[in-house]
Protein backbone atom coordinates (compact mmCIF):
# COMPACT_ATOMS: atom_id res chain seq x y z
CA MET A 1 0.00 0.00 0.00
CA ASN A 2 1.45 3.36 -0.92
CA ALA A 3 1.73 6.32 1.44
CA ARG A 4 -1.08 8.25 -0.20
CA VAL A 5 -3.63 5.47 0.32
CA SER A 6 -2.51 4.90 3.92
CA ASN A 7 -2.92 8.65 4.61
CA TYR A 8 -6.51 8.54 3.35
CA ILE A 9 -7.23 5.46 5.46
CA ALA A 10 -5.65 7.06 8.54
CA PHE A 11 -7.62 10.27 8.01
CA ALA A 12 -10.89 8.36 7.67
CA ALA A 13 -10.10 6.32 10.79
CA LEU A 14 -9.34 9.50 12.76
CA MET A 15 -12.58 11.16 11.69
CA VAL A 16 -14.72 8.09 12.43
CA SER A 17 -13.08 7.51 15.81
CA THR A 18 -13.51 11.18 16.72
CA ALA A 19 -17.19 11.11 15.73
CA LEU A 20 -17.67 8.02 17.89
CA GLY A 21 -15.83 9.59 20.83
CA TYR A 22 -12.79 7.31 20.75
CA TRP A 23 -9.89 9.66 21.52
CA PHE A 24 -7.27 6.94 21.96
CA VAL A 25 -6.67 6.89 18.20
CA TRP A 26 -5.44 10.50 18.41
CA GLY A 27 -3.33 9.52 21.41
CA LEU A 28 -1.68 6.73 19.47
CA LEU A 29 -1.03 9.15 16.62
CA PHE A 30 0.68 11.65 18.96
CA VAL A 31 2.95 8.89 20.26
CA TYR A 32 3.57 7.71 16.69
CA TRP A 33 4.67 11.24 15.76
CA ALA A 34 7.02 11.48 18.72
CA ILE A 35 8.92 8.22 18.34
CA PRO A 36 10.55 8.86 14.92
CA SER A 37 11.41 12.40 16.03
CA PHE A 38 13.67 11.04 18.76
CA TYR A 39 15.79 9.36 16.10
CA SER A 40 15.66 12.02 13.40
CA GLY A 41 16.10 15.06 15.64
CA HIS A 42 13.27 16.81 13.79
CA ALA A 43 9.82 17.52 15.19
CA PHE A 44 7.03 19.41 13.53
CA LEU A 45 4.97 22.03 15.29
CA LEU A 46 4.03 24.81 12.87
CA THR A 47 7.40 24.47 11.20
CA ASP A 48 10.26 22.01 11.49
CA VAL A 49 11.86 22.10 14.96
CA VAL A 50 15.43 20.81 14.84
CA ARG A 51 16.98 19.40 18.00
CA ASP A 52 20.46 20.79 17.24
CA GLU A 53 19.14 24.30 16.53
CA ASP A 54 16.51 24.63 19.27
CA PRO A 55 16.88 21.82 21.82
CA ALA A 56 14.53 23.33 24.41
CA LEU A 57 11.61 23.64 22.02
CA PHE A 58 12.35 20.24 20.48
CA TRP A 59 12.14 18.50 23.86
CA LEU A 60 9.06 20.47 24.90
CA VAL A 61 7.30 19.35 21.72
CA GLN A 62 8.38 15.74 22.31
CA ILE A 63 7.17 15.80 25.91
CA ALA A 64 3.88 17.39 24.83
CA TRP A 65 3.24 14.71 22.16
CA ILE A 66 3.99 11.89 24.60
CA VAL A 67 1.94 13.36 27.47
CA LEU A 68 -1.01 14.27 25.24
CA GLY A 69 -0.88 10.85 23.64
CA ALA A 70 -0.84 9.08 27.00
CA LEU A 71 -3.67 11.24 28.36
CA LEU A 72 -5.88 10.58 25.35
CA VAL A 73 -5.27 6.83 25.52
CA MET A 74 -5.86 6.80 29.27
CA HIS A 75 -9.05 8.83 28.83
CA ASP A 76 -10.59 5.97 26.84
CA VAL A 77 -8.99 3.07 28.73
CA PHE A 78 -9.70 4.46 32.22
CA PRO A 79 -12.69 6.83 31.85
CA GLN A 80 -13.26 6.95 35.60
CA ILE A 81 -10.10 9.04 36.07
CA GLY A 82 -11.11 11.66 33.52
CA VAL A 83 -10.71 15.33 34.27
CA GLY A 84 -13.75 17.03 35.77
CA ARG A 85 -15.59 13.87 36.73
CA SER A 86 -16.85 13.30 40.22
């Protein structure tokens, strides 16, 4: 399967999961974005963030992707610990 087809499938899966209220798919995507960035030294926020040029922002972006990913996965796996629930 080529990259273009897989992008369309991923986009459709994200939209369907969002419509159904399954946020863990976005969480997995955030983690998926973070992992290759550790090896390449490039992250993408609004533009390319290069670890050697701006290490503080690079690591903040990496931490944000991992934390957001984990929170979104945990939100669906453990809904009883969601924010604002009593």
